Amino acid sequence: MSEPRLLSIEGLSAVSDRDNGAPILRDVSLAVAPGEIHGLVGESGAGKSTIARAILGMTPRTVRITQGAIILGNTELLSLDARQLRRLLGAEVALIPQDPLTALNPSRRIEAQMTDGLRMWKGHSAKSARERALTLLDEVQMREPERVMRCYPHELSGGMRQRVLIAAAFALEPKLVIADEPTTALDVTVQKQILKLIRAMQARHKTGAIFVTHDLGVVAQICDRVTLLYQGKVMEHGLTADLLLKPRHAYTKALVRATPRYDRPVDGLIPVPDAVIAACRAEIAGFDGATHG
């Protein structure tokens, strides 16, 4: 009997029309189970955010999906028009973006930005939406939520703004939350707090999640399962503990060795060996040749 799936991505490929049809995603397949946090890991340009944007229907016009399927529940998302996709995703999928300062509208108070979705998608009155927003700010351990609701984004710290976005993401009780490198702009101490908070909120609301990151240390703290990408191709995937403790692919092994650890002093950065990168590129070239040959 197969495991239940909240989200399935099957054979997803995409190209960049701006770069003469250069591949961005190469036959990517993965699945997210209900209540699971699935990590998408890879260096810049690996295709992590492109996958997230494809789920949300937000890929740039220069990016063209050439094949594959994205299935949320029983609905194939790529077959929907913009209006159908907006109606579905507005209620069932939420995004925690990377930069809270640019994600929040600087000209509107926090209360307005947190209650809009509740009134639009859930039919709350102004009073009940406000009460719900205060409850959510309390869930994300925000001090003085009443005061925060009256603030503009620039009046809050980076960690506070990110807490607001986390609260807003879970406001509509979505089935899936996509967190796109939500701790990159935060210092290490605040990052740890935010990761614990996302994990706690995801467990409390029984929500599936995709966590986009380039940091294997973050993956170890928060993800149940992980997919590792290199130049748009899946190099390895599996349970987080298996991938980090018993990596199979040479690229995964090199990344694990290069990840700083508290119990292992490191004299400088450990780069991924050139031979491993060359092997990855040869693997991709062979894949492209087999696909287009």
Foldseek 3Di string as FASTA:
>chain_A
DDAAFQKWWFQKWKAFQVVVGHTQAGGDIDTWHFLFEEEEAEDPSQCLVVVVCVLLVNHDPRMGTDDIFMAGRHDTLVPDDPVVSCLVCLQAEFEQEAFLVVVFDQVDALLCVLQPSCCVNVVDDSVVSSVLLLVLLVLLVHPPSVVSRRDGVVVDDRLSSSSSRLSSRPSSLHQEYEYANHCPVDDPVSSVSVLVSSQVSSNVSRHIYYYYDHALVSCVVHGQKYFYGGSNYTQDIDGSCCCLVPNDQLQSVQVSVQHDDPVDDDDDTRDRDPVSVVVVVVVVVVSVVVVVD
